[in-house]
Amino acid sequence: MARGSHIIFVSTTLTTASTVLPGYLLYNSTKGAVEQMTRVISKDLGRKGVLVNAVAPGPVSIIVLLLRIPGFHLLEFSRMQHSMIHSR
């Protein structure tokens, strides 16, 4: 890569950094892999003037992930969301 090039990974590592739930092994492992890959590539290419970074947006509500949480009920969640939207 040419000097001054940029590599930017988009990841959600910050949302799972401190969350440990059953059934999330592969999800959390891949997030950790992206973080480490960013660090290693940054060290390797940084000497050549290439910027490598990862952008980690804040948490978002993802129903598929919520459904894996023990005790989570979609109907209750839907009612809560509905009341929050209509109470504004």
PDB file of N, CA and C in Angstrom:
ATOM      1  N   MET A   1       0.839  -1.181   0.000  1.00  0.00           N
ATOM      2  CA  MET A   1       0.000   0.000   0.000  1.00  0.00           C
ATOM      3  C   MET A   1       0.881   1.240   0.000  1.00  0.00           C
ATOM      4  N   ALA A   2       0.376   2.267  -0.610  1.00  0.00           N
ATOM      5  CA  ALA A   2       1.132   3.509  -0.710  1.00  0.00           C
ATOM      6  C   ALA A   2       1.135   4.250   0.629  1.00  0.00           C
ATOM      7  N   ARG A   3       2.232   4.959   0.887  1.00  0.00           N
ATOM      8  CA  ARG A   3       2.327   5.802   2.076  1.00  0.00           C
ATOM      9  C   ARG A   3       1.149   6.767   2.080  1.00  0.00           C
ATOM     10  N   GLY A   4       0.533   6.944   3.249  1.00  0.00           N
ATOM     11  CA  GLY A   4      -0.621   7.832   3.374  1.00  0.00           C
ATOM     12  C   GLY A   4      -1.962   7.133   3.167  1.00  0.00           C
ATOM     13  N   SER A   5      -1.921   5.834   2.831  1.00  0.00           N
ATOM     14  CA  SER A   5      -3.166   5.078   2.665  1.00  0.00           C
ATOM     15  C   SER A   5      -3.827   4.863   4.020  1.00  0.00           C
ATOM     16  N   HIS A   6      -5.110   4.524   3.986  1.00  0.00           N
ATOM     17  CA  HIS A   6      -5.871   4.289   5.215  1.00  0.00           C
ATOM     18  C   HIS A   6      -6.623   2.969   5.104  1.00  0.00           C
ATOM     19  N   ILE A   7      -6.661   2.216   6.195  1.00  0.00           N
ATOM     20  CA  ILE A   7      -7.510   1.034   6.325  1.00  0.00           C
ATOM     21  C   ILE A   7      -8.362   1.271   7.564  1.00  0.00           C
ATOM     22  N   ILE A   8      -9.674   1.197   7.397  1.00  0.00           N
ATOM     23  CA  ILE A   8     -10.574   1.411   8.526  1.00  0.00           C
ATOM     24  C   ILE A   8     -11.545   0.246   8.605  1.00  0.00           C
ATOM     25  N   PHE A   9     -11.507  -0.457   9.731  1.00  0.00           N
ATOM     26  CA  PHE A   9     -12.438  -1.547   9.984  1.00  0.00           C
ATOM     27  C   PHE A   9     -13.618  -0.985  10.780  1.00  0.00           C
ATOM     28  N   VAL A  10     -14.807  -1.450  10.494  1.00  0.00           N
ATOM     29  CA  VAL A  10     -15.978  -1.088  11.289  1.00  0.00           C
ATOM     30  C   VAL A  10     -16.336  -2.317  12.109  1.00  0.00           C
ATOM     31  N   SER A  11     -16.360  -2.124  13.421  1.00  0.00           N
ATOM     32  CA  SER A  11     -16.593  -3.247  14.313  1.00  0.00           C
ATOM     33  C   SER A  11     -17.503  -2.824  15.451  1.00  0.00           C
ATOM     34  N   THR A  12     -18.056  -3.794  16.128  1.00  0.00           N
ATOM     35  CA  THR A  12     -18.888  -3.514  17.298  1.00  0.00           C
ATOM     36  C   THR A  12     -18.234  -4.067  18.561  1.00  0.00           C
ATOM     37  N   THR A  13     -16.919  -4.056  18.603  1.00  0.00           N
ATOM     38  CA  THR A  13     -16.222  -4.678  19.724  1.00  0.00           C
ATOM     39  C   THR A  13     -16.555  -4.046  21.059  1.00  0.00           C
ATOM     40  N   LEU A  14     -16.804  -2.757  21.097  1.00  0.00           N
ATOM     41  CA  LEU A  14     -17.076  -2.120  22.375  1.00  0.00           C
ATOM     42  C   LEU A  14     -18.380  -2.584  22.990  1.00  0.00           C
ATOM     43  N   THR A  15     -19.307  -3.021  22.169  1.00  0.00           N
ATOM     44  CA  THR A  15     -20.594  -3.443  22.710  1.00  0.00           C
ATOM     45  C   THR A  15     -20.518  -4.794  23.393  1.00  0.00           C
ATOM     46  N   THR A  16     -19.511  -5.577  23.109  1.00  0.00           N
ATOM     47  CA  THR A  16     -19.422  -6.906  23.730  1.00  0.00           C
ATOM     48  C   THR A  16     -18.191  -7.059  24.602  1.00  0.00           C
ATOM     49  N   ALA A  17     -17.438  -6.000  24.768  1.00  0.00           N
ATOM     50  CA  ALA A  17     -16.183  -6.108  25.512  1.00  0.00           C
ATOM     51  C   ALA A  17     -16.389  -6.607  26.931  1.00  0.00           C
ATOM     52  N   SER A  18     -17.458  -6.184  27.581  1.00  0.00           N
ATOM     53  CA  SER A  18     -17.670  -6.602  28.966  1.00  0.00           C
ATOM     54  C   SER A  18     -18.912  -7.474  29.128  1.00  0.00           C
ATOM     55  N   THR A  19     -19.502  -7.910  28.025  1.00  0.00           N
ATOM     56  CA  THR A  19     -20.696  -8.737  28.083  1.00  0.00           C
ATOM     57  C   THR A  19     -20.326 -10.199  27.893  1.00  0.00           C
ATOM     58  N   VAL A  20     -20.662 -11.020  28.864  1.00  0.00           N
ATOM     59  CA  VAL A  20     -20.411 -12.451  28.752  1.00  0.00           C
ATOM     60  C   VAL A  20     -21.742 -13.162  28.957  1.00  0.00           C
ATOM     61  N   LEU A  21     -22.274 -13.700  27.874  1.00  0.00           N
ATOM     62  CA  LEU A  21     -23.539 -14.417  27.932  1.00  0.00           C
ATOM     63  C   LEU A  21     -23.376 -15.787  27.298  1.00  0.00           C
ATOM     64  N   PRO A  22     -24.121 -16.777  27.767  1.00  0.00           N
ATOM     65  CA  PRO A  22     -24.063 -18.098  27.143  1.00  0.00           C
ATOM     66  C   PRO A  22     -24.468 -18.012  25.674  1.00  0.00           C
ATOM     67  N   GLY A  23     -23.793 -18.785  24.839  1.00  0.00           N
ATOM     68  CA  GLY A  23     -24.149 -18.831  23.429  1.00  0.00           C
ATOM     69  C   GLY A  23     -23.508 -17.761  22.570  1.00  0.00           C
ATOM     70  N   TYR A  24     -22.628 -16.955  23.118  1.00  0.00           N
ATOM     71  CA  TYR A  24     -22.015 -15.862  22.361  1.00  0.00           C
ATOM     72  C   TYR A  24     -20.545 -16.124  22.026  1.00  0.00           C
ATOM     73  N   LEU A  25     -20.094 -17.358  22.132  1.00  0.00           N
ATOM     74  CA  LEU A  25     -18.679 -17.664  21.911  1.00  0.00           C
ATOM     75  C   LEU A  25     -18.189 -17.198  20.546  1.00  0.00           C
ATOM     76  N   LEU A  26     -18.856 -17.612  19.492  1.00  0.00           N
ATOM     77  CA  LEU A  26     -18.401 -17.242  18.148  1.00  0.00           C
ATOM     78  C   LEU A  26     -18.521 -15.746  17.899  1.00  0.00           C
ATOM     79  N   TYR A  27     -19.602 -15.147  18.329  1.00  0.00           N
ATOM     80  CA  TYR A  27     -19.810 -13.711  18.132  1.00  0.00           C
ATOM     81  C   TYR A  27     -18.712 -12.903  18.818  1.00  0.00           C
ATOM     82  N   ASN A  28     -18.486 -13.172  20.114  1.00  0.00           N
ATOM     83  CA  ASN A  28     -17.461 -12.425  20.854  1.00  0.00           C
ATOM     84  C   ASN A  28     -16.055 -12.739  20.354  1.00  0.00           C
ATOM     85  N   SER A  29     -15.814 -13.986  19.958  1.00  0.00           N
ATOM     86  CA  SER A  29     -14.490 -14.359  19.450  1.00  0.00           C
ATOM     87  C   SER A  29     -14.141 -13.596  18.174  1.00  0.00           C
ATOM     88  N   THR A  30     -15.111 -13.457  17.277  1.00  0.00           N
ATOM     89  CA  THR A  30     -14.824 -12.727  16.038  1.00  0.00           C
ATOM     90  C   THR A  30     -14.600 -11.253  16.303  1.00  0.00           C
ATOM     91  N   LYS A  31     -15.299 -10.703  17.291  1.00  0.00           N
ATOM     92  CA  LYS A  31     -15.080  -9.288  17.635  1.00  0.00           C
ATOM     93  C   LYS A  31     -13.672  -9.096  18.188  1.00  0.00           C
ATOM     94  N   GLY A  32     -13.233 -10.020  19.025  1.00  0.00           N
ATOM     95  CA  GLY A  32     -11.866  -9.952  19.550  1.00  0.00           C
ATOM     96  C   GLY A  32     -10.828 -10.111  18.450  1.00  0.00           C
ATOM     97  N   ALA A  33     -11.145 -10.960  17.475  1.00  0.00           N
ATOM     98  CA  ALA A  33     -10.225 -11.170  16.351  1.00  0.00           C
ATOM     99  C   ALA A  33     -10.063  -9.901  15.530  1.00  0.00           C
ATOM    100  N   VAL A  34     -11.157  -9.190  15.286  1.00  0.00           N
ATOM    101  CA  VAL A  34     -11.082  -7.937  14.527  1.00  0.00           C
ATOM    102  C   VAL A  34     -10.226  -6.914  15.275  1.00  0.00           C
ATOM    103  N   GLU A  35     -10.397  -6.848  16.584  1.00  0.00           N
ATOM    104  CA  GLU A  35      -9.612  -5.908  17.392  1.00  0.00           C
ATOM    105  C   GLU A  35      -8.117  -6.221  17.317  1.00  0.00           C
ATOM    106  N   GLN A  36      -7.757  -7.495  17.478  1.00  0.00           N
ATOM    107  CA  GLN A  36      -6.350  -7.887  17.421  1.00  0.00           C
ATOM    108  C   GLN A  36      -5.778  -7.730  16.009  1.00  0.00           C
ATOM    109  N   MET A  37      -6.568  -8.074  15.001  1.00  0.00           N
ATOM    110  CA  MET A  37      -6.127  -7.919  13.619  1.00  0.00           C
ATOM    111  C   MET A  37      -5.813  -6.450  13.332  1.00  0.00           C
ATOM    112  N   THR A  38      -6.658  -5.559  13.826  1.00  0.00           N
ATOM    113  CA  THR A  38      -6.426  -4.125  13.635  1.00  0.00           C
ATOM    114  C   THR A  38      -5.110  -3.703  14.276  1.00  0.00           C
ATOM    115  N   ARG A  39      -4.855  -4.181  15.476  1.00  0.00           N
ATOM    116  CA  ARG A  39      -3.606  -3.825  16.178  1.00  0.00           C
ATOM    117  C   ARG A  39      -2.369  -4.334  15.438  1.00  0.00           C
ATOM    118  N   VAL A  40      -2.416  -5.584  14.991  1.00  0.00           N
ATOM    119  CA  VAL A  40      -1.258  -6.179  14.314  1.00  0.00           C
ATOM    120  C   VAL A  40      -0.997  -5.503  12.972  1.00  0.00           C
ATOM    121  N   ILE A  41      -2.046  -5.324  12.180  1.00  0.00           N
ATOM    122  CA  ILE A  41      -1.878  -4.666  10.875  1.00  0.00           C
ATOM    123  C   ILE A  41      -1.399  -3.234  11.066  1.00  0.00           C
ATOM    124  N   SER A  42      -1.885  -2.579  12.111  1.00  0.00           N
ATOM    125  CA  SER A  42      -1.448  -1.209  12.400  1.00  0.00           C
ATOM    126  C   SER A  42       0.053  -1.154  12.680  1.00  0.00           C
ATOM    127  N   LYS A  43       0.540  -2.105  13.463  1.00  0.00           N
ATOM    128  CA  LYS A  43       1.986  -2.156  13.753  1.00  0.00           C
ATOM    129  C   LYS A  43       2.788  -2.451  12.487  1.00  0.00           C
ATOM    130  N   ASP A  44       2.298  -3.406  11.694  1.00  0.00           N
ATOM    131  CA  ASP A  44       3.019  -3.793  10.475  1.00  0.00           C
ATOM    132  C   ASP A  44       3.055  -2.679   9.434  1.00  0.00           C
ATOM    133  N   LEU A  45       1.895  -2.073   9.181  1.00  0.00           N
ATOM    134  CA  LEU A  45       1.823  -1.072   8.120  1.00  0.00           C
ATOM    135  C   LEU A  45       2.084   0.355   8.593  1.00  0.00           C
ATOM    136  N   GLY A  46       1.992   0.568   9.900  1.00  0.00           N
ATOM    137  CA  GLY A  46       2.247   1.903  10.446  1.00  0.00           C
ATOM    138  C   GLY A  46       3.651   2.398  10.128  1.00  0.00           C
ATOM    139  N   ARG A  47       4.606   1.494  10.118  1.00  0.00           N
ATOM    140  CA  ARG A  47       5.995   1.855   9.786  1.00  0.00           C
ATOM    141  C   ARG A  47       6.139   2.318   8.338  1.00  0.00           C
ATOM    142  N   LYS A  48       5.155   1.944   7.520  1.00  0.00           N
ATOM    143  CA  LYS A  48       5.176   2.318   6.105  1.00  0.00           C
ATOM    144  C   LYS A  48       4.279   3.533   5.832  1.00  0.00           C
ATOM    145  N   GLY A  49       3.789   4.165   6.907  1.00  0.00           N
ATOM    146  CA  GLY A  49       2.965   5.353   6.744  1.00  0.00           C
ATOM    147  C   GLY A  49       1.510   5.080   6.413  1.00  0.00           C
ATOM    148  N   VAL A  50       1.041   3.864   6.697  1.00  0.00           N
ATOM    149  CA  VAL A  50      -0.356   3.516   6.434  1.00  0.00           C
ATOM    150  C   VAL A  50      -1.120   3.555   7.756  1.00  0.00           C
ATOM    151  N   LEU A  51      -2.212   4.299   7.775  1.00  0.00           N
ATOM    152  CA  LEU A  51      -3.045   4.398   8.967  1.00  0.00           C
ATOM    153  C   LEU A  51      -4.036   3.245   8.993  1.00  0.00           C
ATOM    154  N   VAL A  52      -4.079   2.516  10.109  1.00  0.00           N
ATOM    155  CA  VAL A  52      -5.033   1.421  10.282  1.00  0.00           C
ATOM    156  C   VAL A  52      -5.796   1.695  11.573  1.00  0.00           C
ATOM    157  N   ASN A  53      -7.117   1.671  11.479  1.00  0.00           N
ATOM    158  CA  ASN A  53      -7.937   1.968  12.641  1.00  0.00           C
ATOM    159  C   ASN A  53      -9.220   1.148  12.590  1.00  0.00           C
ATOM    160  N   ALA A  54      -9.887   1.053  13.740  1.00  0.00           N
ATOM    161  CA  ALA A  54     -11.191   0.384  13.804  1.00  0.00           C
ATOM    162  C   ALA A  54     -12.184   1.363  14.420  1.00  0.00           C
ATOM    163  N   VAL A  55     -13.325   1.482  13.814  1.00  0.00           N
ATOM    164  CA  VAL A  55     -14.393   2.328  14.331  1.00  0.00           C
ATOM    165  C   VAL A  55     -15.403   1.406  14.990  1.00  0.00           C
ATOM    166  N   ALA A  56     -15.715   1.684  16.234  1.00  0.00           N
ATOM    167  CA  ALA A  56     -16.654   0.840  16.976  1.00  0.00           C
ATOM    168  C   ALA A  56     -17.840   1.693  17.424  1.00  0.00           C
ATOM    169  N   PRO A  57     -18.928   1.677  16.654  1.00  0.00           N
ATOM    170  CA  PRO A  57     -20.105   2.453  17.065  1.00  0.00           C
ATOM    171  C   PRO A  57     -20.703   1.906  18.341  1.00  0.00           C
ATOM    172  N   GLY A  58     -21.494   2.707  18.993  1.00  0.00           N
ATOM    173  CA  GLY A  58     -22.130   2.294  20.237  1.00  0.00           C
ATOM    174  C   GLY A  58     -23.151   1.190  20.032  1.00  0.00           C
ATOM    175  N   PRO A  59     -23.679   0.681  21.130  1.00  0.00           N
ATOM    176  CA  PRO A  59     -24.612  -0.444  21.042  1.00  0.00           C
ATOM    177  C   PRO A  59     -25.911  -0.073  20.323  1.00  0.00           C
ATOM    178  N   VAL A  60     -26.464  -1.067  19.679  1.00  0.00           N
ATOM    179  CA  VAL A  60     -27.760  -0.918  19.018  1.00  0.00           C
ATOM    180  C   VAL A  60     -28.653  -2.068  19.462  1.00  0.00           C
ATOM    181  N   SER A  61     -29.938  -1.882  19.351  1.00  0.00           N
ATOM    182  CA  SER A  61     -30.877  -2.928  19.732  1.00  0.00           C
ATOM    183  C   SER A  61     -31.061  -3.886  18.566  1.00  0.00           C
ATOM    184  N   ILE A  62     -30.660  -5.115  18.758  1.00  0.00           N
ATOM    185  CA  ILE A  62     -30.784  -6.128  17.719  1.00  0.00           C
ATOM    186  C   ILE A  62     -31.636  -7.256  18.281  1.00  0.00           C
ATOM    187  N   ILE A  63     -32.806  -7.410  17.736  1.00  0.00           N
ATOM    188  CA  ILE A  63     -33.755  -8.397  18.245  1.00  0.00           C
ATOM    189  C   ILE A  63     -33.163  -9.812  18.256  1.00  0.00           C
ATOM    190  N   VAL A  64     -32.411 -10.174  17.225  1.00  0.00           N
ATOM    191  CA  VAL A  64     -31.842 -11.522  17.155  1.00  0.00           C
ATOM    192  C   VAL A  64     -30.952 -11.795  18.363  1.00  0.00           C
ATOM    193  N   LEU A  65     -30.170 -10.811  18.764  1.00  0.00           N
ATOM    194  CA  LEU A  65     -29.306 -10.988  19.929  1.00  0.00           C
ATOM    195  C   LEU A  65     -30.115 -10.979  21.221  1.00  0.00           C
ATOM    196  N   LEU A  66     -31.107 -10.105  21.284  1.00  0.00           N
ATOM    197  CA  LEU A  66     -31.935 -10.036  22.485  1.00  0.00           C
ATOM    198  C   LEU A  66     -32.674 -11.343  22.742  1.00  0.00           C
ATOM    199  N   LEU A  67     -33.097 -12.009  21.681  1.00  0.00           N
ATOM    200  CA  LEU A  67     -33.836 -13.259  21.831  1.00  0.00           C
ATOM    201  C   LEU A  67     -33.007 -14.355  22.490  1.00  0.00           C
ATOM    202  N   ARG A  68     -31.675 -14.221  22.455  1.00  0.00           N
ATOM    203  CA  ARG A  68     -30.799 -15.228  23.063  1.00  0.00           C
ATOM    204  C   ARG A  68     -30.629 -15.012  24.566  1.00  0.00           C
ATOM    205  N   ILE A  69     -31.070 -13.886  25.077  1.00  0.00           N
ATOM    206  CA  ILE A  69     -30.929 -13.603  26.503  1.00  0.00           C
ATOM    207  C   ILE A  69     -32.007 -14.358  27.270  1.00  0.00           C
ATOM    208  N   PRO A  70     -31.600 -15.179  28.246  1.00  0.00           N
ATOM    209  CA  PRO A  70     -32.586 -15.931  29.027  1.00  0.00           C
ATOM    210  C   PRO A  70     -33.591 -14.978  29.688  1.00  0.00           C
ATOM    211  N   GLY A  71     -34.858 -15.293  29.573  1.00  0.00           N
ATOM    212  CA  GLY A  71     -35.897 -14.475  30.188  1.00  0.00           C
ATOM    213  C   GLY A  71     -36.384 -13.322  29.333  1.00  0.00           C
ATOM    214  N   PHE A  72     -35.786 -13.127  28.161  1.00  0.00           N
ATOM    215  CA  PHE A  72     -36.225 -12.046  27.282  1.00  0.00           C
ATOM    216  C   PHE A  72     -37.520 -12.452  26.588  1.00  0.00           C
ATOM    217  N   HIS A  73     -38.491 -11.570  26.610  1.00  0.00           N
ATOM    218  CA  HIS A  73     -39.775 -11.835  25.970  1.00  0.00           C
ATOM    219  C   HIS A  73     -40.042 -10.763  24.927  1.00  0.00           C
ATOM    220  N   LEU A  74     -40.161 -11.175  23.678  1.00  0.00           N
ATOM    221  CA  LEU A  74     -40.342 -10.242  22.572  1.00  0.00           C
ATOM    222  C   LEU A  74     -41.609  -9.413  22.731  1.00  0.00           C
ATOM    223  N   LEU A  75     -42.691 -10.005  23.176  1.00  0.00           N
ATOM    224  CA  LEU A  75     -43.948  -9.276  23.323  1.00  0.00           C
ATOM    225  C   LEU A  75     -43.815  -8.154  24.351  1.00  0.00           C
ATOM    226  N   GLU A  76     -43.178  -8.454  25.484  1.00  0.00           N
ATOM    227  CA  GLU A  76     -42.963  -7.420  26.508  1.00  0.00           C
ATOM    228  C   GLU A  76     -42.072  -6.312  25.974  1.00  0.00           C
ATOM    229  N   PHE A  77     -41.029  -6.692  25.244  1.00  0.00           N
ATOM    230  CA  PHE A  77     -40.118  -5.705  24.660  1.00  0.00           C
ATOM    231  C   PHE A  77     -40.865  -4.819  23.673  1.00  0.00           C
ATOM    232  N   SER A  78     -41.706  -5.418  22.849  1.00  0.00           N
ATOM    233  CA  SER A  78     -42.486  -4.687  21.861  1.00  0.00           C
ATOM    234  C   SER A  78     -43.424  -3.689  22.540  1.00  0.00           C
ATOM    235  N   ARG A  79     -44.087  -4.124  23.603  1.00  0.00           N
ATOM    236  CA  ARG A  79     -44.972  -3.220  24.344  1.00  0.00           C
ATOM    237  C   ARG A  79     -44.200  -2.059  24.946  1.00  0.00           C
ATOM    238  N   MET A  80     -43.020  -2.344  25.496  1.00  0.00           N
ATOM    239  CA  MET A  80     -42.194  -1.301  26.087  1.00  0.00           C
ATOM    240  C   MET A  80     -41.773  -0.285  25.031  1.00  0.00           C
ATOM    241  N   GLN A  81     -41.314  -0.778  23.874  1.00  0.00           N
ATOM    242  CA  GLN A  81     -40.907   0.112  22.789  1.00  0.00           C
ATOM    243  C   GLN A  81     -42.087   0.969  22.336  1.00  0.00           C
ATOM    244  N   HIS A  82     -43.245   0.353  22.198  1.00  0.00           N
ATOM    245  CA  HIS A  82     -44.446   1.065  21.766  1.00  0.00           C
ATOM    246  C   HIS A  82     -44.791   2.186  22.744  1.00  0.00           C
ATOM    247  N   SER A  83     -44.754   1.884  24.033  1.00  0.00           N
ATOM    248  CA  SER A  83     -45.105   2.904  25.026  1.00  0.00           C
ATOM    249  C   SER A  83     -44.072   4.022  25.058  1.00  0.00           C
ATOM    250  N   MET A  84     -42.801   3.696  24.848  1.00  0.00           N
ATOM    251  CA  MET A  84     -41.756   4.722  24.824  1.00  0.00           C
ATOM    252  C   MET A  84     -41.938   5.671  23.633  1.00  0.00           C
ATOM    253  N   ILE A  85     -42.259   5.104  22.488  1.00  0.00           N
ATOM    254  CA  ILE A  85     -42.429   5.913  21.275  1.00  0.00           C
ATOM    255  C   ILE A  85     -43.643   6.834  21.401  1.00  0.00           C
ATOM    256  N   HIS A  86     -44.724   6.308  21.946  1.00  0.00           N
ATOM    257  CA  HIS A  86     -45.965   7.077  21.994  1.00  0.00           C
ATOM    258  C   HIS A  86     -46.071   7.982  23.221  1.00  0.00           C
ATOM    259  N   SER A  87     -45.126   7.907  24.128  1.00  0.00           N
ATOM    260  CA  SER A  87     -45.169   8.787  25.306  1.00  0.00           C
ATOM    261  C   SER A  87     -44.402  10.091  25.072  1.00  0.00           C
ATOM    262  N   ARG A  88     -43.810  10.245  23.904  1.00  0.00           N
ATOM    263  CA  ARG A  88     -43.025  11.461  23.616  1.00  0.00           C
ATOM    264  C   ARG A  88     -43.905  12.612  23.269  1.00  0.00           C
TER     265      ARG A  88
END
